Structure formats: C-alpha cells, structure tokens
All heavy atoms as atom14 arrays in JSON, in Angstrom:
{
  "sequence": "DHLDSGFALHEIVVGSDGMPSGYKVLAMNAVFAEMMGVARSPKR",
  "atom14_mask": [
    [1, 1, 1, 1, 1, 1, 1, 1, 0, 0, 0, 0, 0, 0],
    [1, 1, 1, 1, 1, 1, 1, 1, 1, 1, 0, 0, 0, 0],
    [1, 1, 1, 1, 1, 1, 1, 1, 0, 0, 0, 0, 0, 0],
    [1, 1, 1, 1, 1, 1, 1, 1, 0, 0, 0, 0, 0, 0],
    [1, 1, 1, 1, 1, 1, 0, 0, 0, 0, 0, 0, 0, 0],
    [1, 1, 1, 1, 0, 0, 0, 0, 0, 0, 0, 0, 0, 0],
    [1, 1, 1, 1, 1, 1, 1, 1, 1, 1, 1, 0, 0, 0],
    [1, 1, 1, 1, 1, 0, 0, 0, 0, 0, 0, 0, 0, 0],
    [1, 1, 1, 1, 1, 1, 1, 1, 0, 0, 0, 0, 0, 0],
    [1, 1, 1, 1, 1, 1, 1, 1, 1, 1, 0, 0, 0, 0],
    [1, 1, 1, 1, 1, 1, 1, 1, 1, 0, 0, 0, 0, 0],
    [1, 1, 1, 1, 1, 1, 1, 1, 0, 0, 0, 0, 0, 0],
    [1, 1, 1, 1, 1, 1, 1, 0, 0, 0, 0, 0, 0, 0],
    [1, 1, 1, 1, 1, 1, 1, 0, 0, 0, 0, 0, 0, 0],
    [1, 1, 1, 1, 0, 0, 0, 0, 0, 0, 0, 0, 0, 0],
    [1, 1, 1, 1, 1, 1, 0, 0, 0, 0, 0, 0, 0, 0],
    [1, 1, 1, 1, 1, 1, 1, 1, 0, 0, 0, 0, 0, 0],
    [1, 1, 1, 1, 0, 0, 0, 0, 0, 0, 0, 0, 0, 0],
    [1, 1, 1, 1, 1, 1, 1, 1, 0, 0, 0, 0, 0, 0],
    [1, 1, 1, 1, 1, 1, 1, 0, 0, 0, 0, 0, 0, 0],
    [1, 1, 1, 1, 1, 1, 0, 0, 0, 0, 0, 0, 0, 0],
    [1, 1, 1, 1, 0, 0, 0, 0, 0, 0, 0, 0, 0, 0],
    [1, 1, 1, 1, 1, 1, 1, 1, 1, 1, 1, 1, 0, 0],
    [1, 1, 1, 1, 1, 1, 1, 1, 1, 0, 0, 0, 0, 0],
    [1, 1, 1, 1, 1, 1, 1, 0, 0, 0, 0, 0, 0, 0],
    [1, 1, 1, 1, 1, 1, 1, 1, 0, 0, 0, 0, 0, 0],
    [1, 1, 1, 1, 1, 0, 0, 0, 0, 0, 0, 0, 0, 0],
    [1, 1, 1, 1, 1, 1, 1, 1, 0, 0, 0, 0, 0, 0],
    [1, 1, 1, 1, 1, 1, 1, 1, 0, 0, 0, 0, 0, 0],
    [1, 1, 1, 1, 1, 0, 0, 0, 0, 0, 0, 0, 0, 0],
    [1, 1, 1, 1, 1, 1, 1, 0, 0, 0, 0, 0, 0, 0],
    [1, 1, 1, 1, 1, 1, 1, 1, 1, 1, 1, 0, 0, 0],
    [1, 1, 1, 1, 1, 0, 0, 0, 0, 0, 0, 0, 0, 0],
    [1, 1, 1, 1, 1, 1, 1, 1, 1, 0, 0, 0, 0, 0],
    [1, 1, 1, 1, 1, 1, 1, 1, 0, 0, 0, 0, 0, 0],
    [1, 1, 1, 1, 1, 1, 1, 1, 0, 0, 0, 0, 0, 0],
    [1, 1, 1, 1, 0, 0, 0, 0, 0, 0, 0, 0, 0, 0],
    [1, 1, 1, 1, 1, 1, 1, 0, 0, 0, 0, 0, 0, 0],
    [1, 1, 1, 1, 1, 0, 0, 0, 0, 0, 0, 0, 0, 0],
    [1, 1, 1, 1, 1, 1, 1, 1, 1, 1, 1, 0, 0, 0],
    [1, 1, 1, 1, 1, 1, 0, 0, 0, 0, 0, 0, 0, 0],
    [1, 1, 1, 1, 1, 1, 1, 0, 0, 0, 0, 0, 0, 0],
    [1, 1, 1, 1, 1, 1, 1, 1, 1, 0, 0, 0, 0, 0],
    [1, 1, 1, 1, 1, 1, 1, 1, 1, 1, 1, 0, 0, 0]
  ],
  "atom14_positions": [
    [[75.96, 85.58, 95.25], [76.57, 86.54, 94.32], [75.8, 87.84, 94.22], [76.33, 88.84, 93.72], [76.7, 85.92, 92.93], [77.83, 84.9, 92.87], [78.74, 84.99, 93.71], [77.79, 84.0, 92.01], [0.0, 0.0, 0.0], [0.0, 0.0, 0.0], [0.0, 0.0, 0.0], [0.0, 0.0, 0.0], [0.0, 0.0, 0.0], [0.0, 0.0, 0.0]],
    [[74.53, 87.86, 94.65], [73.73, 89.08, 94.51], [73.48, 89.77, 95.83], [72.61, 90.65, 95.92], [72.38, 88.73, 93.84], [72.53, 88.36, 92.38], [72.83, 87.08, 91.98], [72.45, 89.11, 91.26], [72.9, 87.04, 90.66], [72.67, 88.26, 90.2], [0.0, 0.0, 0.0], [0.0, 0.0, 0.0], [0.0, 0.0, 0.0], [0.0, 0.0, 0.0]],
    [[74.24, 89.41, 96.86], [74.14, 90.14, 98.11], [74.66, 91.56, 97.93], [75.6, 91.82, 97.18], [74.99, 89.44, 99.19], [74.43, 88.15, 99.8], [75.47, 87.54, 100.73], [73.14, 88.42, 100.56], [0.0, 0.0, 0.0], [0.0, 0.0, 0.0], [0.0, 0.0, 0.0], [0.0, 0.0, 0.0], [0.0, 0.0, 0.0], [0.0, 0.0, 0.0]],
    [[74.0, 92.5, 98.63], [74.49, 93.88, 98.59], [75.77, 94.05, 99.4], [76.52, 94.99, 99.18], [73.41, 94.83, 99.14], [72.2, 94.88, 98.22], [72.37, 94.62, 97.01], [71.09, 95.16, 98.71], [0.0, 0.0, 0.0], [0.0, 0.0, 0.0], [0.0, 0.0, 0.0], [0.0, 0.0, 0.0], [0.0, 0.0, 0.0], [0.0, 0.0, 0.0]],
    [[75.99, 93.13, 100.34], [77.18, 93.2, 101.18], [78.26, 92.27, 100.64], [77.97, 91.29, 99.94], [76.84, 92.8, 102.62], [75.81, 93.62, 103.15], [0.0, 0.0, 0.0], [0.0, 0.0, 0.0], [0.0, 0.0, 0.0], [0.0, 0.0, 0.0], [0.0, 0.0, 0.0], [0.0, 0.0, 0.0], [0.0, 0.0, 0.0], [0.0, 0.0, 0.0]],
    [[79.49, 92.61, 100.97], [80.59, 91.73, 100.61], [80.72, 90.6, 101.61], [80.66, 90.82, 102.82], [0.0, 0.0, 0.0], [0.0, 0.0, 0.0], [0.0, 0.0, 0.0], [0.0, 0.0, 0.0], [0.0, 0.0, 0.0], [0.0, 0.0, 0.0], [0.0, 0.0, 0.0], [0.0, 0.0, 0.0], [0.0, 0.0, 0.0], [0.0, 0.0, 0.0]],
    [[80.88, 89.39, 101.1], [80.97, 88.23, 101.98], [82.11, 87.34, 101.5], [82.28, 87.11, 100.29], [79.67, 87.42, 101.98], [79.71, 86.22, 102.87], [79.41, 86.33, 104.22], [80.07, 84.97, 102.37], [79.45, 85.24, 105.05], [80.12, 83.87, 103.2], [79.81, 84.0, 104.54], [0.0, 0.0, 0.0], [0.0, 0.0, 0.0], [0.0, 0.0, 0.0]],
    [[82.91, 86.82, 102.44], [84.0, 85.91, 102.1], [84.23, 84.96, 103.26], [84.04, 85.31, 104.43], [85.28, 86.67, 101.78], [0.0, 0.0, 0.0], [0.0, 0.0, 0.0], [0.0, 0.0, 0.0], [0.0, 0.0, 0.0], [0.0, 0.0, 0.0], [0.0, 0.0, 0.0], [0.0, 0.0, 0.0], [0.0, 0.0, 0.0], [0.0, 0.0, 0.0]],
    [[84.61, 83.72, 102.9], [84.93, 82.69, 103.89], [86.44, 82.46, 103.85], [87.03, 82.31, 102.79], [84.2, 81.38, 103.55], [84.43, 80.21, 104.51], [83.89, 80.53, 105.89], [83.79, 78.94, 103.96], [0.0, 0.0, 0.0], [0.0, 0.0, 0.0], [0.0, 0.0, 0.0], [0.0, 0.0, 0.0], [0.0, 0.0, 0.0], [0.0, 0.0, 0.0]],
    [[87.07, 82.43, 105.04], [88.52, 82.33, 105.13], [88.92, 81.17, 106.02], [88.13, 80.72, 106.86], [89.11, 83.62, 105.72], [88.64, 84.87, 105.06], [87.4, 85.42, 105.32], [89.23, 85.67, 104.14], [87.25, 86.51, 104.59], [88.34, 86.68, 103.87], [0.0, 0.0, 0.0], [0.0, 0.0, 0.0], [0.0, 0.0, 0.0], [0.0, 0.0, 0.0]],
    [[90.15, 80.75, 105.85], [90.74, 79.7, 106.68], [92.06, 80.2, 107.23], [92.9, 80.71, 106.49], [90.97, 78.44, 105.84], [91.51, 77.26, 106.66], [91.67, 76.02, 105.79], [92.55, 76.04, 104.91], [90.9, 75.07, 105.98], [0.0, 0.0, 0.0], [0.0, 0.0, 0.0], [0.0, 0.0, 0.0], [0.0, 0.0, 0.0], [0.0, 0.0, 0.0]],
    [[92.23, 80.03, 108.55], [93.46, 80.45, 109.19], [94.58, 79.47, 108.82], [94.4, 78.25, 108.85], [93.29, 80.5, 110.72], [92.45, 81.72, 111.11], [94.64, 80.56, 111.44], [93.17, 83.05, 110.91], [0.0, 0.0, 0.0], [0.0, 0.0, 0.0], [0.0, 0.0, 0.0], [0.0, 0.0, 0.0], [0.0, 0.0, 0.0], [0.0, 0.0, 0.0]],
    [[95.75, 80.0, 108.51], [96.93, 79.19, 108.22], [97.83, 79.22, 109.45], [98.19, 80.3, 109.93], [97.68, 79.72, 106.98], [98.94, 78.9, 106.73], [96.78, 79.71, 105.76], [0.0, 0.0, 0.0], [0.0, 0.0, 0.0], [0.0, 0.0, 0.0], [0.0, 0.0, 0.0], [0.0, 0.0, 0.0], [0.0, 0.0, 0.0], [0.0, 0.0, 0.0]],
    [[98.17, 78.04, 109.96], [98.99, 77.92, 111.16], [100.38, 77.48, 110.76], [100.55, 76.53, 109.99], [98.38, 76.92, 112.16], [99.25, 76.8, 113.41], [96.97, 77.36, 112.53], [0.0, 0.0, 0.0], [0.0, 0.0, 0.0], [0.0, 0.0, 0.0], [0.0, 0.0, 0.0], [0.0, 0.0, 0.0], [0.0, 0.0, 0.0], [0.0, 0.0, 0.0]],
    [[101.39, 78.15, 111.28], [102.77, 77.82, 110.97], [103.28, 76.63, 111.75], [102.56, 76.02, 112.56], [0.0, 0.0, 0.0], [0.0, 0.0, 0.0], [0.0, 0.0, 0.0], [0.0, 0.0, 0.0], [0.0, 0.0, 0.0], [0.0, 0.0, 0.0], [0.0, 0.0, 0.0], [0.0, 0.0, 0.0], [0.0, 0.0, 0.0], [0.0, 0.0, 0.0]],
    [[104.54, 76.24, 111.5], [105.14, 75.1, 112.17], [105.27, 75.3, 113.67], [105.36, 74.34, 114.43], [106.53, 74.81, 111.57], [107.37, 75.96, 111.7], [0.0, 0.0, 0.0], [0.0, 0.0, 0.0], [0.0, 0.0, 0.0], [0.0, 0.0, 0.0], [0.0, 0.0, 0.0], [0.0, 0.0, 0.0], [0.0, 0.0, 0.0], [0.0, 0.0, 0.0]],
    [[105.26, 76.57, 114.11], [105.34, 76.85, 115.54], [103.99, 76.83, 116.23], [103.88, 77.1, 117.43], [106.01, 78.21, 115.77], [105.26, 79.34, 115.05], [104.29, 79.03, 114.32], [105.66, 80.5, 115.21], [0.0, 0.0, 0.0], [0.0, 0.0, 0.0], [0.0, 0.0, 0.0], [0.0, 0.0, 0.0], [0.0, 0.0, 0.0], [0.0, 0.0, 0.0]],
    [[102.93, 76.5, 115.46], [101.6, 76.44, 116.04], [100.9, 77.78, 116.13], [99.79, 77.86, 116.65], [0.0, 0.0, 0.0], [0.0, 0.0, 0.0], [0.0, 0.0, 0.0], [0.0, 0.0, 0.0], [0.0, 0.0, 0.0], [0.0, 0.0, 0.0], [0.0, 0.0, 0.0], [0.0, 0.0, 0.0], [0.0, 0.0, 0.0], [0.0, 0.0, 0.0]],
    [[101.53, 78.84, 115.62], [100.96, 80.18, 115.68], [100.38, 80.55, 114.32], [100.89, 80.12, 113.28], [102.02, 81.2, 116.09], [102.63, 80.92, 117.45], [101.42, 81.02, 118.78], [101.02, 82.77, 118.71], [0.0, 0.0, 0.0], [0.0, 0.0, 0.0], [0.0, 0.0, 0.0], [0.0, 0.0, 0.0], [0.0, 0.0, 0.0], [0.0, 0.0, 0.0]],
    [[99.28, 81.34, 114.3], [98.7, 81.78, 113.02], [99.72, 82.58, 112.22], [100.35, 83.5, 112.75], [97.51, 82.63, 113.45], [97.18, 82.2, 114.85], [98.49, 81.82, 115.45], [0.0, 0.0, 0.0], [0.0, 0.0, 0.0], [0.0, 0.0, 0.0], [0.0, 0.0, 0.0], [0.0, 0.0, 0.0], [0.0, 0.0, 0.0], [0.0, 0.0, 0.0]],
    [[99.87, 82.21, 110.95], [100.82, 82.92, 110.08], [100.13, 83.63, 108.92], [100.77, 84.38, 108.2], [101.84, 81.93, 109.52], [101.2, 80.93, 108.75], [0.0, 0.0, 0.0], [0.0, 0.0, 0.0], [0.0, 0.0, 0.0], [0.0, 0.0, 0.0], [0.0, 0.0, 0.0], [0.0, 0.0, 0.0], [0.0, 0.0, 0.0], [0.0, 0.0, 0.0]],
    [[98.86, 83.41, 108.74], [98.14, 84.05, 107.65], [96.76, 83.43, 107.5], [96.33, 82.64, 108.33], [0.0, 0.0, 0.0], [0.0, 0.0, 0.0], [0.0, 0.0, 0.0], [0.0, 0.0, 0.0], [0.0, 0.0, 0.0], [0.0, 0.0, 0.0], [0.0, 0.0, 0.0], [0.0, 0.0, 0.0], [0.0, 0.0, 0.0], [0.0, 0.0, 0.0]],
    [[96.07, 83.79, 106.46], [94.77, 83.21, 106.16], [94.53, 83.34, 104.68], [95.11, 84.17, 103.99], [93.65, 83.87, 106.97], [93.7, 85.37, 107.02], [93.06, 86.14, 106.04], [94.36, 86.03, 108.04], [93.1, 87.52, 106.09], [94.42, 87.41, 108.09], [93.79, 88.15, 107.11], [93.83, 89.52, 107.15], [0.0, 0.0, 0.0], [0.0, 0.0, 0.0]],
    [[93.68, 82.44, 104.18], [93.4, 82.43, 102.75], [91.9, 82.41, 102.52], [91.12, 81.95, 103.35], [94.06, 81.23, 102.09], [93.72, 79.89, 102.72], [94.59, 78.79, 102.16], [94.37, 77.48, 102.89], [95.26, 76.41, 102.4], [0.0, 0.0, 0.0], [0.0, 0.0, 0.0], [0.0, 0.0, 0.0], [0.0, 0.0, 0.0], [0.0, 0.0, 0.0]],
    [[91.5, 82.9, 101.36], [90.09, 82.99, 101.01], [89.64, 81.67, 100.42], [90.25, 81.16, 99.49], [89.86, 84.13, 100.0], [88.39, 84.21, 99.63], [90.35, 85.45, 100.56], [0.0, 0.0, 0.0], [0.0, 0.0, 0.0], [0.0, 0.0, 0.0], [0.0, 0.0, 0.0], [0.0, 0.0, 0.0], [0.0, 0.0, 0.0], [0.0, 0.0, 0.0]],
    [[88.58, 81.11, 100.98], [87.98, 79.89, 100.43], [86.88, 80.22, 99.43], [86.67, 79.48, 98.47], [87.41, 79.03, 101.56], [88.4, 78.58, 102.64], [87.69, 77.74, 103.69], [89.56, 77.81, 102.02], [0.0, 0.0, 0.0], [0.0, 0.0, 0.0], [0.0, 0.0, 0.0], [0.0, 0.0, 0.0], [0.0, 0.0, 0.0], [0.0, 0.0, 0.0]],
    [[86.16, 81.31, 99.68], [85.09, 81.73, 98.77], [84.82, 83.2, 99.01], [84.95, 83.7, 100.13], [83.83, 80.9, 98.99], [0.0, 0.0, 0.0], [0.0, 0.0, 0.0], [0.0, 0.0, 0.0], [0.0, 0.0, 0.0], [0.0, 0.0, 0.0], [0.0, 0.0, 0.0], [0.0, 0.0, 0.0], [0.0, 0.0, 0.0], [0.0, 0.0, 0.0]],
    [[84.44, 83.92, 97.92], [84.07, 85.32, 98.05], [83.05, 85.65, 96.97], [83.05, 85.06, 95.89], [85.29, 86.23, 97.92], [85.91, 86.29, 96.52], [87.13, 87.59, 96.34], [88.45, 86.97, 97.34], [0.0, 0.0, 0.0], [0.0, 0.0, 0.0], [0.0, 0.0, 0.0], [0.0, 0.0, 0.0], [0.0, 0.0, 0.0], [0.0, 0.0, 0.0]],
    [[82.17, 86.6, 97.27], [81.24, 87.02, 96.23], [81.82, 88.22, 95.47], [82.87, 88.77, 95.83], [79.86, 87.32, 96.82], [79.87, 88.49, 97.77], [80.92, 89.09, 98.04], [78.69, 88.86, 98.28], [0.0, 0.0, 0.0], [0.0, 0.0, 0.0], [0.0, 0.0, 0.0], [0.0, 0.0, 0.0], [0.0, 0.0, 0.0], [0.0, 0.0, 0.0]],
    [[81.12, 88.6, 94.41], [81.64, 89.66, 93.54], [81.73, 90.99, 94.28], [82.64, 91.79, 94.04], [80.75, 89.79, 92.3], [0.0, 0.0, 0.0], [0.0, 0.0, 0.0], [0.0, 0.0, 0.0], [0.0, 0.0, 0.0], [0.0, 0.0, 0.0], [0.0, 0.0, 0.0], [0.0, 0.0, 0.0], [0.0, 0.0, 0.0], [0.0, 0.0, 0.0]],
    [[80.77, 91.26, 95.17], [80.77, 92.53, 95.9], [82.01, 92.62, 96.78], [82.65, 93.67, 96.87], [79.48, 92.66, 96.73], [79.49, 93.94, 97.55], [78.26, 92.62, 95.82], [0.0, 0.0, 0.0], [0.0, 0.0, 0.0], [0.0, 0.0, 0.0], [0.0, 0.0, 0.0], [0.0, 0.0, 0.0], [0.0, 0.0, 0.0], [0.0, 0.0, 0.0]],
    [[82.36, 91.53, 97.43], [83.54, 91.52, 98.29], [84.8, 91.78, 97.46], [85.66, 92.57, 97.87], [83.65, 90.19, 99.01], [84.74, 90.13, 100.04], [84.5, 90.43, 101.36], [86.03, 89.77, 99.68], [85.51, 90.4, 102.31], [87.05, 89.72, 100.61], [86.79, 90.03, 101.94], [0.0, 0.0, 0.0], [0.0, 0.0, 0.0], [0.0, 0.0, 0.0]],
    [[84.9, 91.11, 96.31], [86.08, 91.3, 95.46], [86.2, 92.75, 95.03], [87.3, 93.33, 95.0], [85.99, 90.37, 94.25], [0.0, 0.0, 0.0], [0.0, 0.0, 0.0], [0.0, 0.0, 0.0], [0.0, 0.0, 0.0], [0.0, 0.0, 0.0], [0.0, 0.0, 0.0], [0.0, 0.0, 0.0], [0.0, 0.0, 0.0], [0.0, 0.0, 0.0]],
    [[85.06, 93.4, 94.69], [85.09, 94.8, 94.25], [85.48, 95.7, 95.4], [86.28, 96.64, 95.24], [83.72, 95.17, 93.7], [83.65, 96.54, 93.06], [83.4, 97.65, 94.09], [82.72, 97.36, 95.12], [83.89, 98.77, 93.87], [0.0, 0.0, 0.0], [0.0, 0.0, 0.0], [0.0, 0.0, 0.0], [0.0, 0.0, 0.0], [0.0, 0.0, 0.0]],
    [[84.94, 95.41, 96.61], [85.27, 96.23, 97.76], [86.75, 96.17, 98.1], [87.38, 97.18, 98.44], [84.45, 95.78, 98.97], [82.98, 96.13, 98.91], [82.13, 95.49, 100.37], [80.49, 96.21, 100.14], [0.0, 0.0, 0.0], [0.0, 0.0, 0.0], [0.0, 0.0, 0.0], [0.0, 0.0, 0.0], [0.0, 0.0, 0.0], [0.0, 0.0, 0.0]],
    [[87.33, 94.95, 98.01], [88.71, 94.79, 98.4], [89.68, 95.08, 97.26], [90.89, 95.12, 97.45], [88.96, 93.36, 98.91], [88.12, 92.99, 100.13], [88.3, 94.15, 101.5], [90.02, 94.03, 101.81], [0.0, 0.0, 0.0], [0.0, 0.0, 0.0], [0.0, 0.0, 0.0], [0.0, 0.0, 0.0], [0.0, 0.0, 0.0], [0.0, 0.0, 0.0]],
    [[89.13, 95.24, 96.04], [89.98, 95.52, 94.9], [90.87, 94.36, 94.49], [92.02, 94.55, 94.1], [0.0, 0.0, 0.0], [0.0, 0.0, 0.0], [0.0, 0.0, 0.0], [0.0, 0.0, 0.0], [0.0, 0.0, 0.0], [0.0, 0.0, 0.0], [0.0, 0.0, 0.0], [0.0, 0.0, 0.0], [0.0, 0.0, 0.0], [0.0, 0.0, 0.0]],
    [[90.32, 93.11, 94.61], [91.09, 91.92, 94.22], [90.32, 91.2, 93.13], [89.1, 91.37, 92.95], [91.3, 90.98, 95.43], [92.16, 91.65, 96.48], [89.97, 90.53, 96.02], [0.0, 0.0, 0.0], [0.0, 0.0, 0.0], [0.0, 0.0, 0.0], [0.0, 0.0, 0.0], [0.0, 0.0, 0.0], [0.0, 0.0, 0.0], [0.0, 0.0, 0.0]],
    [[91.04, 90.37, 92.37], [90.42, 89.57, 91.32], [89.77, 88.35, 91.94], [90.37, 87.66, 92.77], [91.45, 89.16, 90.28], [0.0, 0.0, 0.0], [0.0, 0.0, 0.0], [0.0, 0.0, 0.0], [0.0, 0.0, 0.0], [0.0, 0.0, 0.0], [0.0, 0.0, 0.0], [0.0, 0.0, 0.0], [0.0, 0.0, 0.0], [0.0, 0.0, 0.0]],
    [[88.54, 88.06, 91.53], [87.82, 86.91, 92.06], [88.22, 85.66, 91.28], [88.24, 85.67, 90.05], [86.31, 87.15, 91.94], [85.48, 86.07, 92.62], [84.02, 86.34, 92.4], [83.19, 85.33, 93.03], [81.93, 85.12, 92.74], [81.34, 85.86, 91.8], [81.24, 84.19, 93.35], [0.0, 0.0, 0.0], [0.0, 0.0, 0.0], [0.0, 0.0, 0.0]],
    [[88.54, 84.58, 91.98], [88.96, 83.33, 91.35], [87.9, 82.27, 91.6], [87.3, 82.21, 92.68], [90.3, 82.86, 91.93], [90.61, 81.57, 91.47], [0.0, 0.0, 0.0], [0.0, 0.0, 0.0], [0.0, 0.0, 0.0], [0.0, 0.0, 0.0], [0.0, 0.0, 0.0], [0.0, 0.0, 0.0], [0.0, 0.0, 0.0], [0.0, 0.0, 0.0]],
    [[87.62, 81.4, 90.61], [86.64, 80.34, 90.85], [87.12, 79.32, 91.87], [86.34, 78.61, 92.45], [86.49, 79.7, 89.47], [87.77, 80.01, 88.76], [88.17, 81.36, 89.25], [0.0, 0.0, 0.0], [0.0, 0.0, 0.0], [0.0, 0.0, 0.0], [0.0, 0.0, 0.0], [0.0, 0.0, 0.0], [0.0, 0.0, 0.0], [0.0, 0.0, 0.0]],
    [[88.46, 79.25, 92.05], [89.0, 78.33, 93.05], [89.33, 79.13, 94.3], [88.78, 80.19, 94.55], [90.22, 77.62, 92.5], [89.92, 76.76, 91.27], [91.16, 76.06, 90.78], [90.86, 75.19, 89.56], [92.07, 74.51, 89.05], [0.0, 0.0, 0.0], [0.0, 0.0, 0.0], [0.0, 0.0, 0.0], [0.0, 0.0, 0.0], [0.0, 0.0, 0.0]],
    [[90.28, 78.67, 95.06], [90.66, 79.37, 96.28], [91.27, 80.71, 95.93], [92.13, 80.8, 95.07], [91.64, 78.52, 97.1], [90.99, 77.24, 97.59], [91.86, 76.56, 98.62], [91.13, 75.39, 99.14], [91.15, 75.02, 100.4], [91.8, 75.73, 101.28], [90.49, 73.96, 100.8], [0.0, 0.0, 0.0], [0.0, 0.0, 0.0], [0.0, 0.0, 0.0]]
  ]
}
C-alpha cells in the first residue's frame, strides 16, 4: 500500500470461444487506484 508506484494484479477472462474477452482486477494498491481514477475495493 505504500509503494510509490501503482501496482495491480489481474486475471484474463476467456470467453466461450476460447478467446480473451476481458480481464479483472484481483488486487490493487491505493496509488494504482488514484492513478486510474477508480474506487478501490477490498474484494475483487
């Protein structure tokens, strides 16, 4: 949480056709949330 850089862990979402359709955030620090302008959630 106190890194100067923004850091986030993501997981690729694969569709029924076997092709990547998106990705979701598994974890992010406060700096990353501020940089991206999104609300940080304690869960996914």
